């Protein structure tokens, strides 16, 4: 993955934010369906989306 990131060079912040949001949406969907277990859930843990 690091090699792929390096091959793209600079990326606009908006593109990073959009892609991060897409990944989080997919992770939340997989978590809801039980296919993915996200860490956290304790009183001191806070998930950021």
PDB file of N, CA and C in Angstrom:
ATOM      1  N   UNK A   1       0.816  -1.176   0.000  1.00  0.00           N
ATOM      2  CA  UNK A   1       0.000   0.000   0.000  1.00  0.00           C
ATOM      3  C   UNK A   1       0.869   1.254   0.000  1.00  0.00           C
ATOM      4  N   UNK A   2       1.957   1.228   0.775  1.00  0.00           N
ATOM      5  CA  UNK A   2       2.839   2.390   0.810  1.00  0.00           C
ATOM      6  C   UNK A   2       3.415   2.680  -0.574  1.00  0.00           C
ATOM      7  N   UNK A   3       3.728   1.634  -1.325  1.00  0.00           N
ATOM      8  CA  UNK A   3       4.262   1.816  -2.667  1.00  0.00           C
ATOM      9  C   UNK A   3       3.228   2.499  -3.553  1.00  0.00           C
ATOM     10  N   UNK A   4       1.974   2.101  -3.432  1.00  0.00           N
ATOM     11  CA  UNK A   4       0.905   2.718  -4.220  1.00  0.00           C
ATOM     12  C   UNK A   4       0.732   4.184  -3.865  1.00  0.00           C
ATOM     13  N   UNK A   5       0.787   4.491  -2.580  1.00  0.00           N
ATOM     14  CA  UNK A   5       0.633   5.878  -2.128  1.00  0.00           C
ATOM     15  C   UNK A   5       1.774   6.728  -2.689  1.00  0.00           C
ATOM     16  N   UNK A   6       2.975   6.220  -2.625  1.00  0.00           N
ATOM     17  CA  UNK A   6       4.127   6.957  -3.128  1.00  0.00           C
ATOM     18  C   UNK A   6       4.055   7.211  -4.618  1.00  0.00           C
ATOM     19  N   UNK A   7       3.446   6.320  -5.359  1.00  0.00           N
ATOM     20  CA  UNK A   7       3.355   6.460  -6.819  1.00  0.00           C
ATOM     21  C   UNK A   7       2.425   7.587  -7.240  1.00  0.00           C
ATOM     22  N   UNK A   8       1.488   7.977  -6.359  1.00  0.00           N
ATOM     23  CA  UNK A   8       0.517   9.010  -6.715  1.00  0.00           C
ATOM     24  C   UNK A   8       1.003  10.418  -6.429  1.00  0.00           C
ATOM     25  N   UNK A   9       2.023  10.572  -5.620  1.00  0.00           N
ATOM     26  CA  UNK A   9       2.521  11.905  -5.299  1.00  0.00           C
ATOM     27  C   UNK A   9       1.516  12.680  -4.456  1.00  0.00           C
ATOM     28  N   UNK A  10       1.517  14.008  -4.611  1.00  0.00           N
ATOM     29  CA  UNK A  10       0.624  14.864  -3.833  1.00  0.00           C
ATOM     30  C   UNK A  10      -0.824  14.659  -4.242  1.00  0.00           C
ATOM     31  N   UNK A  11      -1.691  14.711  -3.263  1.00  0.00           N
ATOM     32  CA  UNK A  11      -3.125  14.515  -3.488  1.00  0.00           C
ATOM     33  C   UNK A  11      -3.851  15.674  -2.806  1.00  0.00           C
ATOM     34  N   UNK A  12      -4.841  16.266  -3.468  1.00  0.00           N
ATOM     35  CA  UNK A  12      -5.586  17.346  -2.837  1.00  0.00           C
ATOM     36  C   UNK A  12      -6.271  16.894  -1.547  1.00  0.00           C
ATOM     37  N   UNK A  13      -6.295  17.776  -0.551  1.00  0.00           N
ATOM     38  CA  UNK A  13      -6.902  17.459   0.738  1.00  0.00           C
ATOM     39  C   UNK A  13      -8.353  17.030   0.561  1.00  0.00           C
ATOM     40  N   UNK A  14      -9.077  17.651  -0.335  1.00  0.00           N
ATOM     41  CA  UNK A  14     -10.484  17.305  -0.569  1.00  0.00           C
ATOM     42  C   UNK A  14     -10.613  15.841  -0.996  1.00  0.00           C
ATOM     43  N   UNK A  15      -9.700  15.368  -1.846  1.00  0.00           N
ATOM     44  CA  UNK A  15      -9.727  13.974  -2.297  1.00  0.00           C
ATOM     45  C   UNK A  15      -9.459  13.031  -1.128  1.00  0.00           C
ATOM     46  N   UNK A  16      -8.533  13.418  -0.259  1.00  0.00           N
ATOM     47  CA  UNK A  16      -8.229  12.596   0.920  1.00  0.00           C
ATOM     48  C   UNK A  16      -9.457  12.521   1.824  1.00  0.00           C
ATOM     49  N   UNK A  17     -10.066  13.675   2.079  1.00  0.00           N
ATOM     50  CA  UNK A  17     -11.255  13.717   2.938  1.00  0.00           C
ATOM     51  C   UNK A  17     -12.399  12.891   2.352  1.00  0.00           C
ATOM     52  N   UNK A  18     -12.627  13.012   1.051  1.00  0.00           N
ATOM     53  CA  UNK A  18     -13.706  12.256   0.402  1.00  0.00           C
ATOM     54  C   UNK A  18     -13.465  10.761   0.493  1.00  0.00           C
ATOM     55  N   UNK A  19     -12.235  10.357   0.246  1.00  0.00           N
ATOM     56  CA  UNK A  19     -11.916   8.921   0.302  1.00  0.00           C
ATOM     57  C   UNK A  19     -11.955   8.384   1.721  1.00  0.00           C
ATOM     58  N   UNK A  20     -11.489   9.177   2.669  1.00  0.00           N
ATOM     59  CA  UNK A  20     -11.559   8.763   4.080  1.00  0.00           C
ATOM     60  C   UNK A  20     -13.016   8.572   4.486  1.00  0.00           C
ATOM     61  N   UNK A  21     -13.872   9.481   4.064  1.00  0.00           N
ATOM     62  CA  UNK A  21     -15.296   9.380   4.374  1.00  0.00           C
ATOM     63  C   UNK A  21     -15.896   8.114   3.766  1.00  0.00           C
ATOM     64  N   UNK A  22     -15.517   7.801   2.539  1.00  0.00           N
ATOM     65  CA  UNK A  22     -16.018   6.595   1.882  1.00  0.00           C
ATOM     66  C   UNK A  22     -15.589   5.336   2.628  1.00  0.00           C
ATOM     67  N   UNK A  23     -14.334   5.302   3.051  1.00  0.00           N
ATOM     68  CA  UNK A  23     -13.827   4.143   3.799  1.00  0.00           C
ATOM     69  C   UNK A  23     -14.583   3.998   5.112  1.00  0.00           C
ATOM     70  N   UNK A  24     -14.818   5.111   5.804  1.00  0.00           N
ATOM     71  CA  UNK A  24     -15.537   5.051   7.077  1.00  0.00           C
ATOM     72  C   UNK A  24     -16.984   4.616   6.874  1.00  0.00           C
ATOM     73  N   UNK A  25     -17.630   5.068   5.804  1.00  0.00           N
ATOM     74  CA  UNK A  25     -19.000   4.635   5.517  1.00  0.00           C
ATOM     75  C   UNK A  25     -19.062   3.125   5.306  1.00  0.00           C
ATOM     76  N   UNK A  26     -18.095   2.599   4.570  1.00  0.00           N
ATOM     77  CA  UNK A  26     -18.040   1.154   4.323  1.00  0.00           C
ATOM     78  C   UNK A  26     -17.778   0.409   5.631  1.00  0.00           C
ATOM     79  N   UNK A  27     -16.845   0.917   6.443  1.00  0.00           N
ATOM     80  CA  UNK A  27     -16.536   0.271   7.720  1.00  0.00           C
ATOM     81  C   UNK A  27     -17.754   0.259   8.635  1.00  0.00           C
ATOM     82  N   UNK A  28     -18.477   1.378   8.692  1.00  0.00           N
ATOM     83  CA  UNK A  28     -19.683   1.427   9.532  1.00  0.00           C
ATOM     84  C   UNK A  28     -20.736   0.448   9.036  1.00  0.00           C
ATOM     85  N   UNK A  29     -20.882   0.340   7.718  1.00  0.00           N
ATOM     86  CA  UNK A  29     -21.852  -0.591   7.145  1.00  0.00           C
ATOM     87  C   UNK A  29     -21.478  -2.037   7.477  1.00  0.00           C
ATOM     88  N   UNK A  30     -20.202  -2.363   7.334  1.00  0.00           N
ATOM     89  CA  UNK A  30     -19.738  -3.714   7.658  1.00  0.00           C
ATOM     90  C   UNK A  30     -19.876  -4.002   9.149  1.00  0.00           C
ATOM     91  N   UNK A  31     -19.652  -2.996   9.972  1.00  0.00           N
ATOM     92  CA  UNK A  31     -19.812  -3.166  11.414  1.00  0.00           C
ATOM     93  C   UNK A  31     -21.273  -3.423  11.769  1.00  0.00           C
ATOM     94  N   UNK A  32     -22.170  -2.682  11.144  1.00  0.00           N
ATOM     95  CA  UNK A  32     -23.600  -2.851  11.395  1.00  0.00           C
ATOM     96  C   UNK A  32     -24.072  -4.250  11.015  1.00  0.00           C
ATOM     97  N   UNK A  33     -23.521  -4.780   9.916  1.00  0.00           N
ATOM     98  CA  UNK A  33     -23.934  -6.105   9.454  1.00  0.00           C
ATOM     99  C   UNK A  33     -23.214  -7.237  10.202  1.00  0.00           C
ATOM    100  N   UNK A  34     -22.246  -6.882  11.054  1.00  0.00           N
ATOM    101  CA  UNK A  34     -21.518  -7.886  11.825  1.00  0.00           C
ATOM    102  C   UNK A  34     -20.329  -8.485  11.106  1.00  0.00           C
ATOM    103  N   UNK A  35     -20.010  -7.969   9.919  1.00  0.00           N
ATOM    104  CA  UNK A  35     -18.881  -8.497   9.150  1.00  0.00           C
ATOM    105  C   UNK A  35     -17.548  -7.908   9.589  1.00  0.00           C
ATOM    106  N   UNK A  36     -17.595  -6.826  10.364  1.00  0.00           N
ATOM    107  CA  UNK A  36     -16.379  -6.155  10.825  1.00  0.00           C
ATOM    108  C   UNK A  36     -16.609  -5.716  12.257  1.00  0.00           C
ATOM    109  N   UNK A  37     -15.622  -5.958  13.105  1.00  0.00           N
ATOM    110  CA  UNK A  37     -15.701  -5.520  14.489  1.00  0.00           C
ATOM    111  C   UNK A  37     -14.726  -4.366  14.654  1.00  0.00           C
ATOM    112  N   UNK A  38     -15.263  -3.192  14.966  1.00  0.00           N
ATOM    113  CA  UNK A  38     -14.428  -2.017  15.171  1.00  0.00           C
ATOM    114  C   UNK A  38     -13.982  -1.962  16.629  1.00  0.00           C
ATOM    115  N   UNK A  39     -12.733  -1.552  16.869  1.00  0.00           N
ATOM    116  CA  UNK A  39     -12.268  -1.436  18.244  1.00  0.00           C
ATOM    117  C   UNK A  39     -12.993  -0.301  18.951  1.00  0.00           C
ATOM    118  N   UNK A  40     -12.943  -0.337  20.238  1.00  0.00           N
ATOM    119  CA  UNK A  40     -13.546   0.745  21.016  1.00  0.00           C
ATOM    120  C   UNK A  40     -14.828   0.298  21.661  1.00  0.00           C
ATOM    121  N   UNK A  41     -15.641   1.253  21.975  1.00  0.00           N
ATOM    122  CA  UNK A  41     -16.910   0.955  22.591  1.00  0.00           C
ATOM    123  C   UNK A  41     -16.896   1.106  24.097  1.00  0.00           C
ATOM    124  N   UNK A  42     -15.676   1.291  24.665  1.00  0.00           N
ATOM    125  CA  UNK A  42     -15.585   1.526  26.093  1.00  0.00           C
ATOM    126  C   UNK A  42     -15.958   2.966  26.406  1.00  0.00           C
ATOM    127  N   UNK A  43     -16.130   3.238  27.684  1.00  0.00           N
ATOM    128  CA  UNK A  43     -16.510   4.584  28.073  1.00  0.00           C
ATOM    129  C   UNK A  43     -15.454   5.615  27.686  1.00  0.00           C
ATOM    130  N   UNK A  44     -14.184   5.228  27.701  1.00  0.00           N
ATOM    131  CA  UNK A  44     -13.112   6.167  27.396  1.00  0.00           C
ATOM    132  C   UNK A  44     -12.781   6.205  25.913  1.00  0.00           C
ATOM    133  N   UNK A  45     -13.305   5.270  25.132  1.00  0.00           N
ATOM    134  CA  UNK A  45     -13.025   5.205  23.707  1.00  0.00           C
ATOM    135  C   UNK A  45     -14.049   6.035  22.946  1.00  0.00           C
ATOM    136  N   UNK A  46     -13.571   6.754  21.978  1.00  0.00           N
ATOM    137  CA  UNK A  46     -14.461   7.542  21.132  1.00  0.00           C
ATOM    138  C   UNK A  46     -14.064   7.309  19.688  1.00  0.00           C
ATOM    139  N   UNK A  47     -15.007   6.859  18.865  1.00  0.00           N
ATOM    140  CA  UNK A  47     -14.740   6.674  17.456  1.00  0.00           C
ATOM    141  C   UNK A  47     -14.949   7.999  16.748  1.00  0.00           C
ATOM    142  N   UNK A  48     -14.052   8.319  15.830  1.00  0.00           N
ATOM    143  CA  UNK A  48     -14.161   9.556  15.061  1.00  0.00           C
ATOM    144  C   UNK A  48     -14.471   9.200  13.616  1.00  0.00           C
ATOM    145  N   UNK A  49     -15.448   9.852  13.033  1.00  0.00           N
ATOM    146  CA  UNK A  49     -15.827   9.593  11.650  1.00  0.00           C
ATOM    147  C   UNK A  49     -15.607  10.820  10.815  1.00  0.00           C
TER     148      UNK A  49
END
